[in-house]
Amino acid sequence: MAAGRLPPAALTLRQFLRRQQVLQLYRKILRAIREVPAEADRHYLKDWAREEFRRNKDATEEVRIGNLQPCLPALGNGCDQDDDYSRQHATSGTSKSA
């Protein structure tokens, strides 16, 4: 390899930055999952997050990658997407009966 030449597998700056954003999102999700009080729910969410990131690890389209950001209430991203976990836990323990 000549001096100053990058290997064929080197990432472009845009790819490198996107990779950093995806890793940051993954870490943020895992930190949010640690806040879930029920161990069974934590285990489910951790497996879900891991599987989603593995399933989409080869995603290259910017739009598709941007859509990978999940709608977890703990992340506070304001997403209104209905999912099974949100529906199951929307009413548990948050409202008090008089």
C-alpha atoms as a PDB file:
ATOM      1  CA  MET A   1       0.000   0.000   0.000  1.00  0.00           C
ATOM      2  CA  ALA A   2       1.364   3.396  -0.970  1.00  0.00           C
ATOM      3  CA  ALA A   3       1.847   6.068   1.665  1.00  0.00           C
ATOM      4  CA  GLY A   4      -1.247   8.214   2.233  1.00  0.00           C
ATOM      5  CA  ARG A   5      -3.585   5.684   0.684  1.00  0.00           C
ATOM      6  CA  LEU A   6      -6.477   4.253   2.687  1.00  0.00           C
ATOM      7  CA  PRO A   7      -7.249   0.550   2.678  1.00  0.00           C
ATOM      8  CA  PRO A   8     -10.321  -0.424   0.610  1.00  0.00           C
ATOM      9  CA  ALA A   9     -12.383  -1.126   3.755  1.00  0.00           C
ATOM     10  CA  ALA A  10     -11.832   2.335   5.265  1.00  0.00           C
ATOM     11  CA  LEU A  11     -14.975   4.304   6.146  1.00  0.00           C
ATOM     12  CA  THR A  12     -15.730   7.677   4.647  1.00  0.00           C
ATOM     13  CA  LEU A  13     -16.166  10.557   7.059  1.00  0.00           C
ATOM     14  CA  ARG A  14     -19.960  10.410   6.650  1.00  0.00           C
ATOM     15  CA  GLN A  15     -19.983   6.656   7.341  1.00  0.00           C
ATOM     16  CA  PHE A  16     -17.726   7.091  10.361  1.00  0.00           C
ATOM     17  CA  LEU A  17     -19.952   9.813  11.819  1.00  0.00           C
ATOM     18  CA  ARG A  18     -23.119   7.790  11.169  1.00  0.00           C
ATOM     19  CA  ARG A  19     -21.525   4.771  12.857  1.00  0.00           C
ATOM     20  CA  GLN A  20     -20.746   6.898  15.901  1.00  0.00           C
ATOM     21  CA  GLN A  21     -24.368   8.120  16.008  1.00  0.00           C
ATOM     22  CA  VAL A  22     -25.696   4.562  15.810  1.00  0.00           C
ATOM     23  CA  LEU A  23     -23.376   3.380  18.580  1.00  0.00           C
ATOM     24  CA  GLN A  24     -24.371   6.364  20.711  1.00  0.00           C
ATOM     25  CA  LEU A  25     -28.050   5.532  20.163  1.00  0.00           C
ATOM     26  CA  TYR A  26     -27.458   1.882  21.107  1.00  0.00           C
ATOM     27  CA  ARG A  27     -25.700   2.883  24.333  1.00  0.00           C
ATOM     28  CA  LYS A  28     -28.479   5.367  25.126  1.00  0.00           C
ATOM     29  CA  ILE A  29     -31.106   2.658  24.645  1.00  0.00           C
ATOM     30  CA  LEU A  30     -29.230   0.239  26.902  1.00  0.00           C
ATOM     31  CA  ARG A  31     -28.902   2.909  29.610  1.00  0.00           C
ATOM     32  CA  ALA A  32     -32.635   3.634  29.378  1.00  0.00           C
ATOM     33  CA  ILE A  33     -33.437  -0.071  29.645  1.00  0.00           C
ATOM     34  CA  ARG A  34     -31.465  -0.255  32.896  1.00  0.00           C
ATOM     35  CA  GLU A  35     -34.032   2.151  34.374  1.00  0.00           C
ATOM     36  CA  VAL A  36     -36.937  -0.285  33.780  1.00  0.00           C
ATOM     37  CA  PRO A  37     -37.891  -1.691  37.202  1.00  0.00           C
ATOM     38  CA  ALA A  38     -39.129  -5.171  36.175  1.00  0.00           C
ATOM     39  CA  GLU A  39     -36.364  -7.644  35.392  1.00  0.00           C
ATOM     40  CA  ALA A  40     -38.472  -9.550  32.850  1.00  0.00           C
ATOM     41  CA  ASP A  41     -39.203  -6.309  30.984  1.00  0.00           C
ATOM     42  CA  ARG A  42     -35.516  -5.319  31.043  1.00  0.00           C
ATOM     43  CA  HIS A  43     -34.568  -8.693  29.619  1.00  0.00           C
ATOM     44  CA  TYR A  44     -37.230  -8.431  26.878  1.00  0.00           C
ATOM     45  CA  LEU A  45     -36.209  -4.897  25.914  1.00  0.00           C
ATOM     46  CA  LYS A  46     -32.507  -5.709  25.907  1.00  0.00           C
ATOM     47  CA  ASP A  47     -33.102  -8.693  23.623  1.00  0.00           C
ATOM     48  CA  TRP A  48     -35.372  -6.575  21.418  1.00  0.00           C
ATOM     49  CA  ALA A  49     -32.807  -3.788  21.074  1.00  0.00           C
ATOM     50  CA  ARG A  50     -29.983  -6.221  20.379  1.00  0.00           C
ATOM     51  CA  GLU A  51     -32.026  -8.051  17.728  1.00  0.00           C
ATOM     52  CA  GLU A  52     -33.148  -4.827  16.009  1.00  0.00           C
ATOM     53  CA  PHE A  53     -29.592  -3.540  15.743  1.00  0.00           C
ATOM     54  CA  ARG A  54     -28.331  -6.901  14.483  1.00  0.00           C
ATOM     55  CA  ARG A  55     -31.184  -7.131  11.972  1.00  0.00           C
ATOM     56  CA  ASN A  56     -30.321  -3.695  10.597  1.00  0.00           C
ATOM     57  CA  LYS A  57     -26.529  -3.826  10.886  1.00  0.00           C
ATOM     58  CA  ASP A  58     -26.084  -3.739   7.131  1.00  0.00           C
ATOM     59  CA  ALA A  59     -28.439  -0.800   6.566  1.00  0.00           C
ATOM     60  CA  THR A  60     -26.746   1.784   4.400  1.00  0.00           C
ATOM     61  CA  GLU A  61     -29.518   4.121   3.307  1.00  0.00           C
ATOM     62  CA  GLU A  62     -29.599   7.334   5.341  1.00  0.00           C
ATOM     63  CA  VAL A  63     -33.406   7.311   5.476  1.00  0.00           C
ATOM     64  CA  ARG A  64     -33.525   3.700   6.660  1.00  0.00           C
ATOM     65  CA  ILE A  65     -30.878   4.314   9.311  1.00  0.00           C
ATOM     66  CA  GLY A  66     -32.743   7.385  10.537  1.00  0.00           C
ATOM     67  CA  ASN A  67     -35.887   5.276  10.924  1.00  0.00           C
ATOM     68  CA  LEU A  68     -34.094   2.810  13.176  1.00  0.00           C
ATOM     69  CA  GLN A  69     -34.446   5.095  16.157  1.00  0.00           C
ATOM     70  CA  PRO A  70     -36.982   3.308  18.335  1.00  0.00           C
ATOM     71  CA  CYS A  71     -39.791   5.019  20.196  1.00  0.00           C
ATOM     72  CA  LEU A  72     -38.921   4.347  23.808  1.00  0.00           C
ATOM     73  CA  PRO A  73     -40.665   6.621  26.301  1.00  0.00           C
ATOM     74  CA  ALA A  74     -37.581   6.519  28.547  1.00  0.00           C
ATOM     75  CA  LEU A  75     -35.569   8.243  25.815  1.00  0.00           C
ATOM     76  CA  GLY A  76     -38.007  11.130  25.707  1.00  0.00           C
ATOM     77  CA  ASN A  77     -37.982  11.435  21.940  1.00  0.00           C
ATOM     78  CA  GLY A  78     -41.684  12.277  21.765  1.00  0.00           C
ATOM     79  CA  CYS A  79     -42.607   9.557  19.305  1.00  0.00           C
ATOM     80  CA  ASP A  80     -46.288   8.609  19.162  1.00  0.00           C
ATOM     81  CA  GLN A  81     -45.790   5.165  17.631  1.00  0.00           C
ATOM     82  CA  ASP A  82     -47.939   2.462  19.212  1.00  0.00           C
ATOM     83  CA  ASP A  83     -46.088  -0.701  20.052  1.00  0.00           C
ATOM     84  CA  ASP A  84     -46.917  -3.727  22.195  1.00  0.00           C
ATOM     85  CA  TYR A  85     -44.710  -2.685  25.109  1.00  0.00           C
ATOM     86  CA  SER A  86     -46.158   0.839  25.291  1.00  0.00           C
ATOM     87  CA  ARG A  87     -49.735  -0.440  25.154  1.00  0.00           C
ATOM     88  CA  GLN A  88     -49.094  -3.053  27.840  1.00  0.00           C
ATOM     89  CA  HIS A  89     -47.439  -0.639  30.246  1.00  0.00           C
ATOM     90  CA  ALA A  90     -49.239   2.620  29.502  1.00  0.00           C
ATOM     91  CA  THR A  91     -51.652   2.257  32.407  1.00  0.00           C
ATOM     92  CA  SER A  92     -49.574   0.254  34.881  1.00  0.00           C
ATOM     93  CA  GLY A  93     -48.604   2.072  38.041  1.00  0.00           C
ATOM     94  CA  THR A  94     -48.870   5.618  36.722  1.00  0.00           C
ATOM     95  CA  SER A  95     -52.382   6.560  37.767  1.00  0.00           C
ATOM     96  CA  LYS A  96     -53.662   6.622  41.332  1.00  0.00           C
ATOM     97  CA  SER A  97     -57.183   5.696  42.259  1.00  0.00           C
ATOM     98  CA  ALA A  98     -59.080   7.984  44.623  1.00  0.00           C
END
